[in-house]
Amino acid sequence: MSALARDLAPLVLAGVLGPAGAGKLFGRGTARQAPRTALARLLRDGGRAALVLRVLGAVELLLAAALLARPTSPLPGAAAALLGAGFLGYLGYARTAAPGSSCGCTARQEAPLTWRAFARAAAVLAGGAAASLARQPWWTAAARHPATAACLVLAAAVALTALSADPERRWRMPLRRLRLRIAGHPLAATATATATAVAPATTQVAVPPDAAGAPPPVPFTAAGARTAVPVAATVELLERSRAWQSVSRVVRSALMDHWDDGGWRILQFAGVYGGGTAARPVLVLFAVDAAASLDTVREPAVRVSVIDADSGAPVMATA
């Protein structure tokens, strides 16, 4: 069993490095995500961080191709092990210097790094070490033990999926939706009675004022019209605005919370303001027209408020 796992390691590791490298090299979100990663803080420039991520993606793709084509050569596996060790060192720096930042490991997820990122890097390190010891091509090993090989590859795929950057979105939520479709919603029978008996509670949250302290105008919406712009569309519109570009260096997380208030959609992000010992956690609030999308406007009306996460005091974020 151990010899088979060793011989299949190049195949499994290529399955990890290949998609990750393709996402970094060809993904349209790489340039958008790069300024929010710890790499941007290390290089002090979001553009250089995006370039490094794309170069890293090319290296991962080359290693994946080498692992598939030359599985018995120790060089691709050793290089992958070194890459995994480098990932662990980078993650250690990111956890210390920019704990709220994304690691940029997959160029598709923007959530702050967690223990899963360290586990994935350790898996690359261990997989590279195993691949460097392969004695026969993975296709030969799979042909000799097809059932066992299929079980091993499937188990590795499940484990790596569990270590994905966002398991909540990738597989937990789909499973929950599937369960609701099959079994039905547990509150479906009481939904009508509850709706008629209980009035919905609302929470009033102030929309961030402008720089002069004046309250923002209510966005124009046709009388009686109800907007149904998805939150993802609002975020995409925001990330293309000049307001986002002016404070994106402060933002260190994906969208944390959102709510609608008086025609505005409030989007909340976590961030870090300042550097070194003066760095402090902040909350970055954007107020965007709730009815706006890329189909209706090019430059939306956006109000920005940066406040101290501990005291709630406003913080001035210079562009």
Protein backbone atom coordinates (compact mmCIF):
# COMPACT_ATOMS: atom_id res chain seq x y z
CA MET A 1 0.00 0.00 0.00
CA SER A 2 2.74 2.49 0.90
CA ALA A 3 4.63 1.74 -2.32
CA LEU A 4 1.46 2.32 -4.35
CA ALA A 5 0.75 5.60 -2.58
CA ARG A 6 4.34 6.68 -3.24
CA ASP A 7 4.03 5.88 -6.96
CA LEU A 8 0.68 7.68 -7.21
CA ALA A 9 2.00 10.78 -5.41
CA PRO A 10 3.10 12.52 -8.67
CA LEU A 11 -0.42 12.18 -10.09
CA VAL A 12 -2.11 13.51 -6.95
CA LEU A 13 0.38 16.35 -6.54
CA ALA A 14 -0.04 17.37 -10.18
CA GLY A 15 -3.78 17.52 -9.54
CA VAL A 16 -3.11 20.00 -6.75
CA LEU A 17 -0.51 22.20 -8.44
CA GLY A 18 -2.09 22.25 -11.89
CA PRO A 19 -5.44 23.92 -11.05
CA ALA A 20 -3.79 26.26 -8.53
CA GLY A 21 -1.19 27.33 -11.08
CA ALA A 22 -3.78 27.81 -13.83
CA GLY A 23 -5.87 29.97 -11.51
CA LYS A 24 -2.91 32.22 -10.71
CA LEU A 25 -1.58 32.46 -14.26
CA PHE A 26 -4.79 32.79 -16.25
CA GLY A 27 -7.37 33.83 -13.66
CA ARG A 28 -8.97 37.23 -14.14
CA GLY A 29 -9.21 37.66 -10.38
CA THR A 30 -5.46 37.51 -9.76
CA ALA A 31 -4.89 41.23 -10.29
CA ARG A 32 -7.94 42.08 -8.18
CA GLN A 33 -6.99 39.80 -5.31
CA ALA A 34 -3.24 40.53 -5.24
CA PRO A 35 -3.45 43.88 -3.37
CA ARG A 36 -5.30 42.14 -0.50
CA THR A 37 -2.74 39.41 0.02
CA ALA A 38 0.11 39.35 2.49
CA LEU A 39 2.41 39.21 -0.55
CA ALA A 40 1.42 42.80 -1.40
CA ARG A 41 2.44 43.86 2.08
CA LEU A 42 5.74 42.01 1.74
CA LEU A 43 6.51 43.57 -1.66
CA ARG A 44 4.84 46.91 -0.78
CA ASP A 45 3.09 46.95 -4.15
CA GLY A 46 -0.07 45.25 -5.39
CA GLY A 47 1.08 45.23 -9.01
CA ARG A 48 4.30 43.41 -8.18
CA ALA A 49 2.34 40.99 -6.03
CA ALA A 50 0.10 40.16 -9.01
CA LEU A 51 3.18 39.60 -11.19
CA VAL A 52 4.76 37.29 -8.61
CA LEU A 53 1.50 35.33 -8.30
CA ARG A 54 1.38 34.81 -12.07
CA VAL A 55 5.02 33.71 -12.18
CA LEU A 56 4.33 31.33 -9.33
CA GLY A 57 1.34 29.99 -11.26
CA ALA A 58 3.57 29.29 -14.26
CA VAL A 59 6.05 27.45 -12.02
CA GLU A 60 3.25 25.33 -10.55
CA LEU A 61 1.98 24.44 -14.02
CA LEU A 62 5.47 23.43 -15.13
CA LEU A 63 5.91 21.28 -12.04
CA ALA A 64 2.52 19.64 -12.62
CA ALA A 65 3.45 18.82 -16.22
CA ALA A 66 6.82 17.42 -15.12
CA LEU A 67 5.21 15.29 -12.43
CA LEU A 68 2.81 13.82 -14.97
CA ALA A 69 5.36 13.27 -17.73
CA ARG A 70 8.43 12.24 -15.68
CA PRO A 71 7.02 10.69 -12.49
CA THR A 72 10.11 8.57 -11.77
CA SER A 73 12.51 11.51 -11.88
CA PRO A 74 13.29 12.81 -8.38
CA LEU A 75 13.70 16.41 -9.55
CA PRO A 76 10.03 17.44 -9.97
CA GLY A 77 9.12 15.94 -6.61
CA ALA A 78 12.06 17.59 -4.86
CA ALA A 79 11.18 20.94 -6.46
CA ALA A 80 7.57 20.56 -5.31
CA ALA A 81 8.75 19.77 -1.77
CA LEU A 82 10.87 22.94 -1.79
CA LEU A 83 7.86 24.86 -3.06
CA GLY A 84 5.76 23.50 -0.19
CA ALA A 85 8.44 24.49 2.31
CA GLY A 86 8.47 27.97 0.79
CA PHE A 87 4.69 28.15 1.11
CA LEU A 88 4.94 27.28 4.81
CA GLY A 89 7.52 30.02 5.39
CA TYR A 90 5.42 32.57 3.53
CA LEU A 91 2.29 31.60 5.46
CA GLY A 92 4.18 31.97 8.72
CA TYR A 93 5.17 35.50 7.71
CA ALA A 94 1.62 36.30 6.58
CA ARG A 95 0.15 35.05 9.85
CA THR A 96 2.49 37.33 11.79
CA ALA A 97 2.66 40.45 9.63
CA ALA A 98 -0.82 40.53 8.08
CA PRO A 99 -3.14 38.14 9.93
CA GLY A 100 -6.27 39.43 8.22
CA SER A 101 -4.90 39.12 4.70
CA SER A 102 -5.60 36.47 2.11
CA CYS A 103 -2.67 34.19 1.32
CA GLY A 104 -3.33 34.19 -2.44
CA CYS A 105 -2.65 30.44 -2.55
CA THR A 106 -5.33 29.67 -5.14
CA ALA A 107 -6.01 33.16 -6.59
CA ARG A 108 -9.70 32.32 -6.36
CA GLN A 109 -10.44 32.75 -2.66
CA GLU A 110 -10.13 35.98 -0.73
CA ALA A 111 -10.78 34.77 2.80
CA PRO A 112 -8.16 35.38 5.49
CA LEU A 113 -5.70 32.52 5.88
CA THR A 114 -6.55 29.74 8.32
CA TRP A 115 -5.05 26.44 9.40
CA ARG A 116 -6.27 24.96 6.12
CA ALA A 117 -3.69 27.00 4.21
CA PHE A 118 -0.91 25.57 6.39
CA ALA A 119 -2.32 22.07 5.92
CA ARG A 120 -2.35 22.48 2.12
CA ALA A 121 1.24 23.71 2.12
CA ALA A 122 2.28 20.80 4.33
CA ALA A 123 0.48 18.43 1.94
CA VAL A 124 2.47 19.85 -0.98
CA LEU A 125 5.69 19.38 1.00
CA ALA A 126 4.83 15.78 1.93
CA GLY A 127 3.56 15.00 -1.55
CA GLY A 128 6.73 16.32 -3.14
CA ALA A 129 8.87 14.22 -0.83
CA ALA A 130 6.82 11.12 -1.68
CA ALA A 131 6.88 11.88 -5.42
CA SER A 132 10.66 12.15 -5.39
CA LEU A 133 10.79 8.53 -4.18
CA ALA A 134 8.49 7.07 -6.87
CA ARG A 135 9.92 3.91 -8.42
CA GLN A 136 7.51 3.36 -11.31
CA PRO A 137 5.22 5.59 -13.42
CA TRP A 138 1.86 6.29 -11.89
CA TRP A 139 0.05 4.84 -14.90
CA THR A 140 1.87 1.54 -14.44
CA ALA A 141 1.06 1.43 -10.74
CA ALA A 142 -2.59 2.25 -11.44
CA ALA A 143 -2.83 -0.45 -14.11
CA ARG A 144 -1.47 -3.11 -11.75
CA HIS A 145 -3.79 -2.22 -8.88
CA PRO A 146 -6.74 -0.35 -10.45
CA ALA A 147 -9.24 -0.68 -7.60
CA THR A 148 -6.80 0.23 -4.85
CA ALA A 149 -5.35 3.07 -6.90
CA ALA A 150 -8.81 4.50 -7.56
CA CYS A 151 -9.62 4.39 -3.84
CA LEU A 152 -6.36 6.12 -2.92
CA VAL A 153 -6.80 8.88 -5.50
CA LEU A 154 -10.43 9.39 -4.44
CA ALA A 155 -9.45 9.59 -0.77
CA ALA A 156 -6.75 12.14 -1.59
CA ALA A 157 -9.23 14.21 -3.62
CA VAL A 158 -11.74 14.23 -0.76
CA ALA A 159 -9.06 15.23 1.75
CA LEU A 160 -7.80 18.05 -0.46
CA THR A 161 -11.36 19.25 -1.08
CA ALA A 162 -11.89 19.40 2.68
CA LEU A 163 -8.79 21.59 2.88
CA SER A 164 -10.05 23.96 0.21
CA ALA A 165 -9.89 27.65 1.02
CA ASP A 166 -13.66 28.01 1.39
CA PRO A 167 -15.35 24.69 2.24
CA GLU A 168 -18.49 26.53 3.31
CA ARG A 169 -19.08 27.81 -0.22
CA ARG A 170 -17.57 24.92 -2.17
CA TRP A 171 -19.25 21.89 -0.62
CA ARG A 172 -21.02 22.49 2.68
CA MET A 173 -23.60 24.91 1.30
CA PRO A 174 -24.34 22.78 -1.80
CA LEU A 175 -24.88 19.77 0.48
CA ARG A 176 -27.22 21.78 2.68
CA ARG A 177 -29.20 22.98 -0.34
CA LEU A 178 -29.44 19.42 -1.63
CA ARG A 179 -30.73 18.26 1.75
CA LEU A 180 -33.38 21.01 1.75
CA ARG A 181 -34.50 20.05 -1.76
CA ILE A 182 -34.86 16.42 -0.78
CA ALA A 183 -36.34 16.76 2.72
CA GLY A 184 -37.93 20.18 2.41
CA HIS A 185 -37.39 23.22 4.61
CA PRO A 186 -38.09 22.39 8.28
CA LEU A 187 -39.99 25.69 8.76
CA ALA A 188 -41.96 25.60 5.51
CA ALA A 189 -45.20 24.56 7.25
CA THR A 190 -45.10 27.47 9.68
CA ALA A 191 -43.78 30.15 7.31
CA THR A 192 -47.23 31.58 6.45
CA ALA A 193 -48.45 31.68 10.05
CA THR A 194 -45.22 33.28 11.22
CA ALA A 195 -45.31 35.90 8.49
CA THR A 196 -48.84 37.00 9.46
CA ALA A 197 -48.27 36.90 13.20
CA VAL A 198 -44.88 38.52 13.56
CA ALA A 199 -43.75 41.77 12.01
CA PRO A 200 -40.18 41.69 10.70
CA ALA A 201 -37.67 43.51 12.87
CA THR A 202 -35.38 46.07 11.30
CA THR A 203 -32.07 47.47 12.41
CA GLN A 204 -31.21 51.06 11.64
CA VAL A 205 -27.57 51.54 10.69
CA ALA A 206 -26.19 54.89 9.68
CA VAL A 207 -24.80 55.23 6.17
CA PRO A 208 -21.24 56.65 6.21
CA PRO A 209 -21.27 60.44 5.64
CA ASP A 210 -19.06 62.19 3.16
CA ALA A 211 -15.78 63.94 3.98
CA ALA A 212 -17.58 67.16 4.94
CA GLY A 213 -19.81 65.33 7.38
CA ALA A 214 -23.00 65.78 5.33
CA PRO A 215 -25.38 62.83 5.13
CA PRO A 216 -25.37 61.10 1.76
CA PRO A 217 -28.31 61.60 -0.60
CA VAL A 218 -30.70 58.73 -1.07
CA PRO A 219 -30.00 57.00 -4.39
CA PHE A 220 -32.65 57.58 -7.03
CA THR A 221 -35.08 54.67 -7.40
CA ALA A 222 -38.32 54.73 -9.33
CA ALA A 223 -41.37 54.98 -7.12
CA GLY A 224 -42.60 51.59 -6.00
CA ALA A 225 -39.71 49.77 -7.68
CA ARG A 226 -37.94 46.99 -5.83
CA THR A 227 -34.35 46.29 -6.76
CA ALA A 228 -33.00 42.77 -6.82
CA VAL A 229 -29.32 43.33 -7.56
CA PRO A 230 -27.31 40.39 -6.18
CA VAL A 231 -24.72 41.21 -3.54
CA ALA A 232 -22.01 39.67 -5.72
CA ALA A 233 -22.90 42.14 -8.49
CA THR A 234 -22.64 45.05 -6.05
CA VAL A 235 -19.22 43.82 -4.88
CA GLU A 236 -18.02 43.49 -8.48
CA LEU A 237 -19.20 47.02 -9.22
CA LEU A 238 -17.50 48.33 -6.08
CA GLU A 239 -14.17 46.66 -6.88
CA ARG A 240 -14.06 48.48 -10.22
CA SER A 241 -14.73 51.90 -8.71
CA ARG A 242 -12.25 54.64 -7.92
CA ALA A 243 -13.44 54.61 -4.31
CA TRP A 244 -12.31 51.00 -3.93
CA GLN A 245 -8.95 51.73 -5.54
CA SER A 246 -8.33 54.59 -3.12
CA VAL A 247 -8.56 52.38 0.00
CA SER A 248 -7.95 48.86 -1.34
CA ARG A 249 -4.50 48.85 0.27
CA VAL A 250 -6.22 48.98 3.66
CA VAL A 251 -8.64 46.10 2.97
CA ARG A 252 -7.40 42.71 4.17
CA SER A 253 -10.43 40.45 3.85
CA ALA A 254 -13.26 39.37 1.63
CA LEU A 255 -16.77 40.69 2.23
CA MET A 256 -17.61 40.11 5.90
CA ASP A 257 -21.13 41.49 6.17
CA HIS A 258 -23.70 43.45 4.17
CA TRP A 259 -27.11 45.02 4.63
CA ASP A 260 -29.44 47.47 2.86
CA ASP A 261 -30.46 50.76 4.39
CA GLY A 262 -32.46 53.56 2.79
CA GLY A 263 -31.58 52.68 -0.80
CA TRP A 264 -27.92 52.05 0.02
CA ARG A 265 -26.18 48.70 0.29
CA ILE A 266 -23.56 48.69 3.05
CA LEU A 267 -20.59 46.39 2.48
CA GLN A 268 -18.26 45.68 5.39
CA PHE A 269 -14.64 44.52 5.11
CA ALA A 270 -11.85 44.04 7.64
CA GLY A 271 -8.58 45.85 7.20
CA VAL A 272 -5.33 47.02 8.71
CA TYR A 273 -4.38 50.70 8.83
CA GLY A 274 -0.78 51.80 9.30
CA GLY A 275 2.37 49.75 9.40
CA GLY A 276 4.80 48.27 11.90
CA THR A 277 3.98 48.89 15.53
CA ALA A 278 1.44 51.55 14.55
CA ALA A 279 -0.73 49.08 12.60
CA ARG A 280 -4.24 48.68 13.96
CA PRO A 281 -7.30 46.71 12.84
CA VAL A 282 -10.04 48.69 11.15
CA LEU A 283 -13.44 48.13 9.59
CA VAL A 284 -13.92 49.47 6.06
CA LEU A 285 -17.54 50.31 5.18
CA PHE A 286 -18.68 51.10 1.66
CA ALA A 287 -22.14 52.50 0.91
CA VAL A 288 -23.15 51.69 -2.67
CA ASP A 289 -26.40 52.40 -4.51
CA ALA A 290 -28.35 49.18 -3.92
CA ALA A 291 -29.94 49.39 -7.37
CA ALA A 292 -26.70 49.92 -9.30
CA SER A 293 -24.86 47.26 -11.29
CA LEU A 294 -22.41 47.04 -14.17
CA ASP A 295 -25.40 47.04 -16.52
CA THR A 296 -26.67 50.42 -15.31
CA VAL A 297 -23.66 52.55 -14.33
CA ARG A 298 -19.93 52.69 -14.95
CA GLU A 299 -18.87 54.67 -11.89
CA PRO A 300 -21.29 54.18 -8.99
CA ALA A 301 -21.96 56.57 -6.15
CA VAL A 302 -19.87 55.22 -3.29
CA ARG A 303 -19.26 56.51 0.24
CA VAL A 304 -16.36 55.13 2.26
CA SER A 305 -15.91 55.04 6.01
CA VAL A 306 -12.85 53.58 7.77
CA ILE A 307 -13.27 53.13 11.52
CA ASP A 308 -11.14 51.65 14.26
CA ALA A 309 -12.25 48.08 14.93
CA ASP A 310 -11.79 48.46 18.69
CA SER A 311 -12.94 51.99 19.51
CA GLY A 312 -15.20 52.78 16.56
CA ALA A 313 -13.40 56.09 16.03
CA PRO A 314 -13.09 57.25 12.39
CA VAL A 315 -9.74 56.77 10.70
CA MET A 316 -8.47 58.90 7.83
CA ALA A 317 -7.30 56.64 4.94
CA THR A 318 -5.31 58.59 2.39
CA ALA A 319 -5.29 57.47 -1.22
